[in-house]
Amino acid sequence: MNNLQKYKFEIVTINLSTHNNYSSPTLTLNKVEKEGNYFSVEIGNNLNLDMVNILGGDFVMGTPDTEQGRSNDETPQHQVSIPDFFVSKYLVTQSQYLALMNNNPSFFSGENKPVENVSWFCAQNFCAKLSQLTGKNFRLLTEAEWEYVCRANTTTPFSFGKTITAELANYKASYGYGEGSSGQWKQETTDVGIYGANNFGLYDLHGNVWEWCEDNWHENYHEAPINGEAWLETTDNLDKDLPRVIRGGSWDDTAYYCRAGVRLWTLPQFKGKLIGFRVACDK
């Protein structure tokens, strides 16, 4: 696309340092400013949806056996090639969903909070309507695309580093992870984009709400696609009996569930205050 705009964002990473064998690690936050490219689409009510330009590449999907809490469904690690595409800078907000779909089903109230209490089918309908409005192909992210943009060229449990803190994401911070400390649990969703971005200039990949992915659920990565496409069980993509993947963790989940490699599933018709979505767009 020729109409890409530039934007600046701040990425935050965690540095853990130990002075001696008897002291607890010291946690410091390193901040760096970067620049990315995006385009905007108007979706009604003078609201725009910002779509970030993601350069494709190869990455290792799944978690190593050395990662704390690693589950068998996060294995085996395998290399995946992701083509260039666009992804929404933020989770779809309540105001954006209302502007396009004329309703807001969310449990929590706040125009800049992520829409939740939406099924996989609701997310599909949003994408279909947005595609019709713009003439572009909007869709949910595949599971491989989601992990690619969440990791954002990192290999640690979180894009921030080896642990996570309540300063960096909205999750059940009353429980720490690894050498990280505990913090305040907010017990509700928060406005999108109030925490630091990851290396790709995207926000809220860890916590706030789980994100619907396109893929059907599989127990592990044996025979998984290596080209970034959705892993589907049937040609009937609207089958209500086949579970769908959700990623990213939520405000009600501990840091363990917010790791980049964590996978869960639920039925596509399920609605709850822990699940929302973001969108992708083909180039």
C-alpha atoms as a PDB file:
ATOM      1  CA  MET A   1       0.000   0.000   0.000  1.00  0.00           C
ATOM      2  CA  ASN A   2       1.185   3.484  -0.876  1.00  0.00           C
ATOM      3  CA  ASN A   3      -0.807   5.371   1.767  1.00  0.00           C
ATOM      4  CA  LEU A   4       1.051   4.115   4.818  1.00  0.00           C
ATOM      5  CA  GLN A   5       1.615   6.603   7.621  1.00  0.00           C
ATOM      6  CA  LYS A   6       4.459   6.602  10.119  1.00  0.00           C
ATOM      7  CA  TYR A   7       3.995   6.480  13.882  1.00  0.00           C
ATOM      8  CA  LYS A   8       6.290   6.341  16.878  1.00  0.00           C
ATOM      9  CA  PHE A   9       5.905   3.988  19.797  1.00  0.00           C
ATOM     10  CA  GLU A  10       7.792   3.109  22.950  1.00  0.00           C
ATOM     11  CA  ILE A  11       8.804  -0.459  23.663  1.00  0.00           C
ATOM     12  CA  VAL A  12       9.619  -1.597  27.173  1.00  0.00           C
ATOM     13  CA  THR A  13      11.780  -4.570  28.089  1.00  0.00           C
ATOM     14  CA  ILE A  14      12.598  -6.070  31.463  1.00  0.00           C
ATOM     15  CA  ASN A  15      16.167  -6.517  32.622  1.00  0.00           C
ATOM     16  CA  LEU A  16      16.803  -8.851  35.564  1.00  0.00           C
ATOM     17  CA  SER A  17      20.170  -8.574  37.296  1.00  0.00           C
ATOM     18  CA  THR A  18      21.490 -10.449  40.333  1.00  0.00           C
ATOM     19  CA  HIS A  19      24.231  -8.885  42.451  1.00  0.00           C
ATOM     20  CA  ASN A  20      25.104 -12.041  44.378  1.00  0.00           C
ATOM     21  CA  ASN A  21      23.773 -15.504  45.175  1.00  0.00           C
ATOM     22  CA  TYR A  22      21.932 -14.308  48.271  1.00  0.00           C
ATOM     23  CA  SER A  23      19.963 -11.348  46.946  1.00  0.00           C
ATOM     24  CA  SER A  24      16.780 -11.228  44.917  1.00  0.00           C
ATOM     25  CA  PRO A  25      17.117 -10.127  41.287  1.00  0.00           C
ATOM     26  CA  THR A  26      16.794  -6.432  40.559  1.00  0.00           C
ATOM     27  CA  LEU A  27      14.185  -5.642  37.935  1.00  0.00           C
ATOM     28  CA  THR A  28      14.664  -2.598  35.721  1.00  0.00           C
ATOM     29  CA  LEU A  29      12.614  -1.415  32.757  1.00  0.00           C
ATOM     30  CA  ASN A  30      14.400  -0.334  29.592  1.00  0.00           C
ATOM     31  CA  LYS A  31      12.521   1.982  27.235  1.00  0.00           C
ATOM     32  CA  VAL A  32      13.322   2.525  23.556  1.00  0.00           C
ATOM     33  CA  GLU A  33      11.445   4.562  20.959  1.00  0.00           C
ATOM     34  CA  LYS A  34      10.791   2.977  17.567  1.00  0.00           C
ATOM     35  CA  GLU A  35       8.884   3.823  14.413  1.00  0.00           C
ATOM     36  CA  GLY A  36       6.337   1.800  12.454  1.00  0.00           C
ATOM     37  CA  ASN A  37       3.967   2.113   9.508  1.00  0.00           C
ATOM     38  CA  TYR A  38       0.204   1.767   9.397  1.00  0.00           C
ATOM     39  CA  PHE A  39      -2.927   2.661   7.482  1.00  0.00           C
ATOM     40  CA  SER A  40      -6.322   3.679   8.856  1.00  0.00           C
ATOM     41  CA  VAL A  41      -9.822   2.746   7.788  1.00  0.00           C
ATOM     42  CA  GLU A  42     -12.880   4.740   8.826  1.00  0.00           C
ATOM     43  CA  ILE A  43     -15.556   2.509  10.293  1.00  0.00           C
ATOM     44  CA  GLY A  44     -18.249   5.049  11.197  1.00  0.00           C
ATOM     45  CA  ASN A  45     -18.968   7.582  13.958  1.00  0.00           C
ATOM     46  CA  ASN A  46     -15.705   9.343  12.982  1.00  0.00           C
ATOM     47  CA  LEU A  47     -13.733   6.358  14.269  1.00  0.00           C
ATOM     48  CA  ASN A  48     -10.699   4.807  12.603  1.00  0.00           C
ATOM     49  CA  LEU A  49      -9.134   1.363  12.865  1.00  0.00           C
ATOM     50  CA  ASP A  50      -5.327   1.467  12.642  1.00  0.00           C
ATOM     51  CA  MET A  51      -3.678  -1.435  10.807  1.00  0.00           C
ATOM     52  CA  VAL A  52       0.066  -1.910  11.343  1.00  0.00           C
ATOM     53  CA  ASN A  53       2.322  -3.092   8.535  1.00  0.00           C
ATOM     54  CA  ILE A  54       3.891  -6.403   9.592  1.00  0.00           C
ATOM     55  CA  LEU A  55       6.911  -7.628   7.670  1.00  0.00           C
ATOM     56  CA  GLY A  56       6.845 -11.389   7.360  1.00  0.00           C
ATOM     57  CA  GLY A  57       9.649 -13.746   8.258  1.00  0.00           C
ATOM     58  CA  ASP A  58      10.572 -17.081   9.758  1.00  0.00           C
ATOM     59  CA  PHE A  59      10.178 -17.785  13.463  1.00  0.00           C
ATOM     60  CA  VAL A  60      10.145 -20.706  15.864  1.00  0.00           C
ATOM     61  CA  MET A  61       6.615 -21.390  17.085  1.00  0.00           C
ATOM     62  CA  GLY A  62       6.083 -23.146  20.396  1.00  0.00           C
ATOM     63  CA  THR A  63       7.965 -23.105  23.676  1.00  0.00           C
ATOM     64  CA  PRO A  64      11.285 -24.672  24.667  1.00  0.00           C
ATOM     65  CA  ASP A  65      11.396 -27.363  27.340  1.00  0.00           C
ATOM     66  CA  THR A  66      13.319 -24.957  29.570  1.00  0.00           C
ATOM     67  CA  GLU A  67      10.405 -22.518  29.858  1.00  0.00           C
ATOM     68  CA  GLN A  68       8.639 -22.467  33.218  1.00  0.00           C
ATOM     69  CA  GLY A  69       5.121 -23.885  32.958  1.00  0.00           C
ATOM     70  CA  ARG A  70       5.519 -25.202  29.446  1.00  0.00           C
ATOM     71  CA  SER A  71       2.600 -27.424  28.410  1.00  0.00           C
ATOM     72  CA  ASN A  72       2.619 -30.307  25.935  1.00  0.00           C
ATOM     73  CA  ASP A  73       0.139 -28.503  23.689  1.00  0.00           C
ATOM     74  CA  GLU A  74       2.847 -25.871  23.088  1.00  0.00           C
ATOM     75  CA  THR A  75       5.054 -28.478  21.403  1.00  0.00           C
ATOM     76  CA  PRO A  76       6.883 -29.453  19.332  1.00  0.00           C
ATOM     77  CA  GLN A  77       8.716 -26.285  18.451  1.00  0.00           C
ATOM     78  CA  HIS A  78       8.765 -25.794  14.685  1.00  0.00           C
ATOM     79  CA  GLN A  79       9.774 -23.140  12.191  1.00  0.00           C
ATOM     80  CA  VAL A  80       6.985 -21.233  10.453  1.00  0.00           C
ATOM     81  CA  SER A  81       7.203 -18.769   7.553  1.00  0.00           C
ATOM     82  CA  ILE A  82       4.824 -15.821   7.859  1.00  0.00           C
ATOM     83  CA  PRO A  83       4.018 -13.649   4.805  1.00  0.00           C
ATOM     84  CA  ASP A  84       3.660  -9.862   5.052  1.00  0.00           C
ATOM     85  CA  PHE A  85       0.274  -8.722   6.348  1.00  0.00           C
ATOM     86  CA  PHE A  86      -1.440  -6.038   8.419  1.00  0.00           C
ATOM     87  CA  VAL A  87      -2.758  -6.367  11.968  1.00  0.00           C
ATOM     88  CA  SER A  88      -4.751  -3.976  14.119  1.00  0.00           C
ATOM     89  CA  LYS A  89      -2.591  -1.926  16.444  1.00  0.00           C
ATOM     90  CA  TYR A  90      -5.064  -2.441  19.264  1.00  0.00           C
ATOM     91  CA  LEU A  91      -7.745  -4.890  20.278  1.00  0.00           C
ATOM     92  CA  VAL A  92     -11.087  -3.951  18.716  1.00  0.00           C
ATOM     93  CA  THR A  93     -12.684  -1.476  21.125  1.00  0.00           C
ATOM     94  CA  GLN A  94     -16.256  -1.162  22.290  1.00  0.00           C
ATOM     95  CA  SER A  95     -16.736   2.097  20.373  1.00  0.00           C
ATOM     96  CA  GLN A  96     -15.391   0.552  17.167  1.00  0.00           C
ATOM     97  CA  TYR A  97     -17.596  -2.511  17.509  1.00  0.00           C
ATOM     98  CA  LEU A  98     -20.635  -0.333  18.208  1.00  0.00           C
ATOM     99  CA  ALA A  99     -19.929   1.889  15.197  1.00  0.00           C
ATOM    100  CA  LEU A 100     -19.812  -1.056  12.804  1.00  0.00           C
ATOM    101  CA  MET A 101     -22.226  -3.557  14.364  1.00  0.00           C
ATOM    102  CA  ASN A 102     -24.720  -1.184  16.048  1.00  0.00           C
ATOM    103  CA  ASN A 103     -24.479  -2.973  19.389  1.00  0.00           C
ATOM    104  CA  ASN A 104     -22.086  -3.340  22.294  1.00  0.00           C
ATOM    105  CA  PRO A 105     -22.407  -6.664  24.129  1.00  0.00           C
ATOM    106  CA  SER A 106     -19.560  -5.997  26.574  1.00  0.00           C
ATOM    107  CA  PHE A 107     -19.818  -6.774  30.282  1.00  0.00           C
ATOM    108  CA  PHE A 108     -17.493  -3.911  31.222  1.00  0.00           C
ATOM    109  CA  SER A 109     -18.284  -0.353  30.180  1.00  0.00           C
ATOM    110  CA  GLY A 110     -15.805   1.932  28.423  1.00  0.00           C
ATOM    111  CA  GLU A 111     -15.613   3.106  24.823  1.00  0.00           C
ATOM    112  CA  ASN A 112     -11.845   2.538  24.652  1.00  0.00           C
ATOM    113  CA  LYS A 113     -11.925  -0.768  26.481  1.00  0.00           C
ATOM    114  CA  PRO A 114     -11.764  -3.906  24.349  1.00  0.00           C
ATOM    115  CA  VAL A 115     -15.072  -5.317  23.238  1.00  0.00           C
ATOM    116  CA  GLU A 116     -15.710  -8.649  24.974  1.00  0.00           C
ATOM    117  CA  ASN A 117     -18.585 -11.047  25.434  1.00  0.00           C
ATOM    118  CA  VAL A 118     -18.354 -11.737  21.692  1.00  0.00           C
ATOM    119  CA  SER A 119     -18.334 -15.179  20.108  1.00  0.00           C
ATOM    120  CA  TRP A 120     -16.024 -16.324  17.343  1.00  0.00           C
ATOM    121  CA  PHE A 121     -18.984 -15.874  15.001  1.00  0.00           C
ATOM    122  CA  CYS A 122     -19.446 -12.275  16.197  1.00  0.00           C
ATOM    123  CA  ALA A 123     -15.793 -11.610  15.379  1.00  0.00           C
ATOM    124  CA  GLN A 124     -16.264 -13.208  11.951  1.00  0.00           C
ATOM    125  CA  ASN A 125     -19.291 -11.004  11.286  1.00  0.00           C
ATOM    126  CA  PHE A 126     -17.289  -7.917  12.252  1.00  0.00           C
ATOM    127  CA  CYS A 127     -14.557  -8.893   9.792  1.00  0.00           C
ATOM    128  CA  ALA A 128     -17.080  -9.585   7.030  1.00  0.00           C
ATOM    129  CA  LYS A 129     -18.794  -6.239   7.507  1.00  0.00           C
ATOM    130  CA  LEU A 130     -15.462  -4.400   7.627  1.00  0.00           C
ATOM    131  CA  SER A 131     -14.381  -6.156   4.423  1.00  0.00           C
ATOM    132  CA  GLN A 132     -17.623  -5.144   2.728  1.00  0.00           C
ATOM    133  CA  LEU A 133     -17.204  -1.545   3.882  1.00  0.00           C
ATOM    134  CA  THR A 134     -13.590  -1.171   2.739  1.00  0.00           C
ATOM    135  CA  GLY A 135     -13.195  -3.605  -0.149  1.00  0.00           C
ATOM    136  CA  LYS A 136     -10.218  -5.178   1.647  1.00  0.00           C
ATOM    137  CA  ASN A 137      -9.973  -8.700   3.083  1.00  0.00           C
ATOM    138  CA  PHE A 138     -10.262  -8.366   6.854  1.00  0.00           C
ATOM    139  CA  ARG A 139     -10.179 -11.517   8.966  1.00  0.00           C
ATOM    140  CA  LEU A 140      -9.057 -12.980  12.268  1.00  0.00           C
ATOM    141  CA  LEU A 141      -5.382 -13.762  12.748  1.00  0.00           C
ATOM    142  CA  THR A 142      -4.261 -17.329  12.278  1.00  0.00           C
ATOM    143  CA  GLU A 143      -2.730 -18.884  15.372  1.00  0.00           C
ATOM    144  CA  ALA A 144       0.732 -18.788  13.795  1.00  0.00           C
ATOM    145  CA  GLU A 145       0.329 -15.119  12.840  1.00  0.00           C
ATOM    146  CA  TRP A 146      -0.791 -14.332  16.357  1.00  0.00           C
ATOM    147  CA  GLU A 147       2.247 -15.920  17.982  1.00  0.00           C
ATOM    148  CA  TYR A 148       4.527 -14.282  15.409  1.00  0.00           C
ATOM    149  CA  VAL A 149       3.279 -10.770  16.201  1.00  0.00           C
ATOM    150  CA  CYS A 150       3.130 -11.473  19.933  1.00  0.00           C
ATOM    151  CA  ARG A 151       6.731 -12.657  20.097  1.00  0.00           C
ATOM    152  CA  ALA A 152       7.837  -9.845  17.765  1.00  0.00           C
ATOM    153  CA  ASN A 153      11.314 -11.281  17.186  1.00  0.00           C
ATOM    154  CA  THR A 154      11.768 -12.429  20.790  1.00  0.00           C
ATOM    155  CA  THR A 155      12.154 -15.947  22.194  1.00  0.00           C
ATOM    156  CA  THR A 156      11.349 -15.242  25.858  1.00  0.00           C
ATOM    157  CA  PRO A 157       8.045 -16.137  27.567  1.00  0.00           C
ATOM    158  CA  PHE A 158       6.871 -12.551  27.086  1.00  0.00           C
ATOM    159  CA  SER A 159       7.785  -9.970  24.486  1.00  0.00           C
ATOM    160  CA  PHE A 160       8.984  -7.853  27.424  1.00  0.00           C
ATOM    161  CA  GLY A 161      11.452 -10.517  28.543  1.00  0.00           C
ATOM    162  CA  LYS A 162      11.629 -13.425  30.975  1.00  0.00           C
ATOM    163  CA  THR A 163       8.835 -12.133  33.195  1.00  0.00           C
ATOM    164  CA  ILE A 164       6.057  -9.565  33.303  1.00  0.00           C
ATOM    165  CA  THR A 165       4.850  -6.882  35.719  1.00  0.00           C
ATOM    166  CA  ALA A 166       1.628  -4.993  36.412  1.00  0.00           C
ATOM    167  CA  GLU A 167       3.268  -1.916  34.876  1.00  0.00           C
ATOM    168  CA  LEU A 168       3.379  -3.643  31.486  1.00  0.00           C
ATOM    169  CA  ALA A 169       0.080  -5.503  31.121  1.00  0.00           C
ATOM    170  CA  ASN A 170      -3.373  -6.091  32.609  1.00  0.00           C
ATOM    171  CA  TYR A 171      -3.488  -9.548  34.191  1.00  0.00           C
ATOM    172  CA  LYS A 172      -3.977 -11.174  37.614  1.00  0.00           C
ATOM    173  CA  ALA A 173      -0.767  -9.647  38.901  1.00  0.00           C
ATOM    174  CA  SER A 174      -1.301 -10.833  42.465  1.00  0.00           C
ATOM    175  CA  TYR A 175       0.725 -13.846  41.303  1.00  0.00           C
ATOM    176  CA  GLY A 176       4.185 -13.409  39.783  1.00  0.00           C
ATOM    177  CA  TYR A 177       5.999 -15.445  37.156  1.00  0.00           C
ATOM    178  CA  GLY A 178       9.608 -16.569  37.249  1.00  0.00           C
ATOM    179  CA  GLU A 179      11.738 -14.001  39.041  1.00  0.00           C
ATOM    180  CA  GLY A 180       9.117 -11.289  38.631  1.00  0.00           C
ATOM    181  CA  SER A 181       7.234  -9.754  41.539  1.00  0.00           C
ATOM    182  CA  SER A 182       3.517  -9.599  42.221  1.00  0.00           C
ATOM    183  CA  GLY A 183       1.480  -6.431  41.787  1.00  0.00           C
ATOM    184  CA  GLN A 184      -2.007  -4.954  41.754  1.00  0.00           C
ATOM    185  CA  TRP A 185      -4.782  -6.982  40.126  1.00  0.00           C
ATOM    186  CA  LYS A 186      -7.222  -4.566  38.475  1.00  0.00           C
ATOM    187  CA  GLN A 187     -10.040  -7.141  38.210  1.00  0.00           C
ATOM    188  CA  GLU A 188     -11.449  -5.682  34.969  1.00  0.00           C
ATOM    189  CA  THR A 189     -10.455  -4.750  31.440  1.00  0.00           C
ATOM    190  CA  THR A 190      -8.473  -1.575  30.832  1.00  0.00           C
ATOM    191  CA  ASP A 191      -8.399   0.872  27.924  1.00  0.00           C
ATOM    192  CA  VAL A 192      -6.420  -0.440  24.980  1.00  0.00           C
ATOM    193  CA  GLY A 193      -2.951   0.968  24.382  1.00  0.00           C
ATOM    194  CA  ILE A 194      -2.230   2.294  27.876  1.00  0.00           C
ATOM    195  CA  TYR A 195       0.699  -0.088  28.328  1.00  0.00           C
ATOM    196  CA  GLY A 196       3.891  -0.171  26.277  1.00  0.00           C
ATOM    197  CA  ALA A 197       3.963  -1.633  22.779  1.00  0.00           C
ATOM    198  CA  ASN A 198       5.921  -4.679  21.702  1.00  0.00           C
ATOM    199  CA  ASN A 199       8.729  -4.648  19.144  1.00  0.00           C
ATOM    200  CA  PHE A 200       6.196  -4.604  16.264  1.00  0.00           C
ATOM    201  CA  GLY A 201       4.327  -1.600  17.669  1.00  0.00           C
ATOM    202  CA  LEU A 202       1.302  -3.615  18.828  1.00  0.00           C
ATOM    203  CA  TYR A 203      -0.472  -3.338  22.162  1.00  0.00           C
ATOM    204  CA  ASP A 204      -2.130  -5.686  24.670  1.00  0.00           C
ATOM    205  CA  LEU A 205      -0.891  -8.994  23.266  1.00  0.00           C
ATOM    206  CA  HIS A 206      -0.338 -10.128  26.861  1.00  0.00           C
ATOM    207  CA  GLY A 207      -3.475  -9.925  28.999  1.00  0.00           C
ATOM    208  CA  ASN A 208      -6.538  -7.653  28.978  1.00  0.00           C
ATOM    209  CA  VAL A 209      -8.683 -10.120  26.963  1.00  0.00           C
ATOM    210  CA  TRP A 210      -8.059 -13.416  25.212  1.00  0.00           C
ATOM    211  CA  GLU A 211      -8.099 -13.113  21.414  1.00  0.00           C
ATOM    212  CA  TRP A 212     -10.044 -15.314  19.024  1.00  0.00           C
ATOM    213  CA  CYS A 213      -7.932 -16.909  16.279  1.00  0.00           C
ATOM    214  CA  GLU A 214      -9.111 -18.422  13.004  1.00  0.00           C
ATOM    215  CA  ASP A 215      -7.811 -21.924  13.695  1.00  0.00           C
ATOM    216  CA  ASN A 216      -9.520 -25.022  14.993  1.00  0.00           C
ATOM    217  CA  TRP A 217      -7.993 -26.462  18.155  1.00  0.00           C
ATOM    218  CA  HIS A 218      -5.345 -29.184  17.939  1.00  0.00           C
ATOM    219  CA  GLU A 219      -3.774 -30.945  20.917  1.00  0.00           C
ATOM    220  CA  ASN A 220      -0.223 -30.164  19.777  1.00  0.00           C
ATOM    221  CA  TYR A 221       1.767 -28.958  16.765  1.00  0.00           C
ATOM    222  CA  HIS A 222       2.395 -32.312  15.105  1.00  0.00           C
ATOM    223  CA  GLU A 223       1.577 -31.871  11.382  1.00  0.00           C
ATOM    224  CA  ALA A 224       0.854 -28.153  11.884  1.00  0.00           C
ATOM    225  CA  PRO A 225       1.137 -25.890   8.810  1.00  0.00           C
ATOM    226  CA  ILE A 226       4.503 -24.194   8.376  1.00  0.00           C
ATOM    227  CA  ASN A 227       3.307 -21.409   6.064  1.00  0.00           C
ATOM    228  CA  GLY A 228       1.309 -19.348   8.570  1.00  0.00           C
ATOM    229  CA  GLU A 229      -2.095 -20.444   7.286  1.00  0.00           C
ATOM    230  CA  ALA A 230      -5.002 -21.343   9.565  1.00  0.00           C
ATOM    231  CA  TRP A 231      -5.078 -24.995  10.639  1.00  0.00           C
ATOM    232  CA  LEU A 232      -8.640 -26.076   9.919  1.00  0.00           C
ATOM    233  CA  GLU A 233     -10.280 -29.451  10.419  1.00  0.00           C
ATOM    234  CA  THR A 234     -13.009 -29.109   7.814  1.00  0.00           C
ATOM    235  CA  THR A 235     -13.990 -27.172   4.730  1.00  0.00           C
ATOM    236  CA  ASP A 236     -17.086 -26.022   6.651  1.00  0.00           C
ATOM    237  CA  ASN A 237     -15.475 -23.132   8.466  1.00  0.00           C
ATOM    238  CA  LEU A 238     -18.695 -22.294  10.315  1.00  0.00           C
ATOM    239  CA  ASP A 239     -19.001 -25.657  12.095  1.00  0.00           C
ATOM    240  CA  LYS A 240     -20.274 -24.924  15.613  1.00  0.00           C
ATOM    241  CA  ASP A 241     -19.007 -28.176  17.096  1.00  0.00           C
ATOM    242  CA  LEU A 242     -15.302 -27.606  16.450  1.00  0.00           C
ATOM    243  CA  PRO A 243     -13.384 -25.651  19.127  1.00  0.00           C
ATOM    244  CA  ARG A 244     -11.388 -22.547  18.198  1.00  0.00           C
ATOM    245  CA  VAL A 245      -8.085 -21.291  19.524  1.00  0.00           C
ATOM    246  CA  ILE A 246      -7.843 -18.328  21.883  1.00  0.00           C
ATOM    247  CA  ARG A 247      -4.549 -16.627  22.727  1.00  0.00           C
ATOM    248  CA  GLY A 248      -2.951 -14.050  25.000  1.00  0.00           C
ATOM    249  CA  GLY A 249      -4.508 -14.391  28.440  1.00  0.00           C
ATOM    250  CA  SER A 250      -6.778 -11.867  30.137  1.00  0.00           C
ATOM    251  CA  TRP A 251      -7.275  -9.534  33.077  1.00  0.00           C
ATOM    252  CA  ASP A 252      -8.516 -12.555  35.058  1.00  0.00           C
ATOM    253  CA  ASP A 253      -5.536 -14.833  34.312  1.00  0.00           C
ATOM    254  CA  THR A 254      -2.170 -15.165  36.001  1.00  0.00           C
ATOM    255  CA  ALA A 255       1.035 -14.354  34.147  1.00  0.00           C
ATOM    256  CA  TYR A 256       1.481 -18.036  33.308  1.00  0.00           C
ATOM    257  CA  TYR A 257      -1.523 -17.900  30.944  1.00  0.00           C
ATOM    258  CA  CYS A 258      -0.339 -14.653  29.350  1.00  0.00           C
ATOM    259  CA  ARG A 259       2.858 -16.181  27.959  1.00  0.00           C
ATOM    260  CA  ALA A 260       3.402 -15.892  24.206  1.00  0.00           C
ATOM    261  CA  GLY A 261       3.232 -19.661  23.744  1.00  0.00           C
ATOM    262  CA  VAL A 262       0.108 -20.447  25.774  1.00  0.00           C
ATOM    263  CA  ARG A 263      -2.858 -21.913  23.889  1.00  0.00           C
ATOM    264  CA  LEU A 264      -6.421 -22.511  25.021  1.00  0.00           C
ATOM    265  CA  TRP A 265      -9.657 -23.348  23.237  1.00  0.00           C
ATOM    266  CA  THR A 266     -13.370 -22.809  23.519  1.00  0.00           C
ATOM    267  CA  LEU A 267     -16.407 -23.436  21.340  1.00  0.00           C
ATOM    268  CA  PRO A 268     -16.981 -20.748  18.697  1.00  0.00           C
ATOM    269  CA  GLN A 269     -20.446 -19.826  19.980  1.00  0.00           C
ATOM    270  CA  PHE A 270     -19.129 -19.121  23.493  1.00  0.00           C
ATOM    271  CA  LYS A 271     -19.324 -15.551  24.799  1.00  0.00           C
ATOM    272  CA  GLY A 272     -17.621 -14.285  27.927  1.00  0.00           C
ATOM    273  CA  LYS A 273     -16.087 -11.233  29.545  1.00  0.00           C
ATOM    274  CA  LEU A 274     -12.566 -12.625  29.080  1.00  0.00           C
ATOM    275  CA  ILE A 275     -12.530 -12.907  25.264  1.00  0.00           C
ATOM    276  CA  GLY A 276     -12.239 -10.260  22.541  1.00  0.00           C
ATOM    277  CA  PHE A 277     -10.320 -10.032  19.280  1.00  0.00           C
ATOM    278  CA  ARG A 278      -8.137  -8.027  16.924  1.00  0.00           C
ATOM    279  CA  VAL A 279      -8.164  -8.203  13.138  1.00  0.00           C
ATOM    280  CA  ALA A 280      -5.757  -8.896  10.300  1.00  0.00           C
ATOM    281  CA  CYS A 281      -5.820  -7.684   6.711  1.00  0.00           C
ATOM    282  CA  ASP A 282      -4.179  -9.291   3.695  1.00  0.00           C
ATOM    283  CA  LYS A 283      -1.757  -7.315   1.565  1.00  0.00           C
END
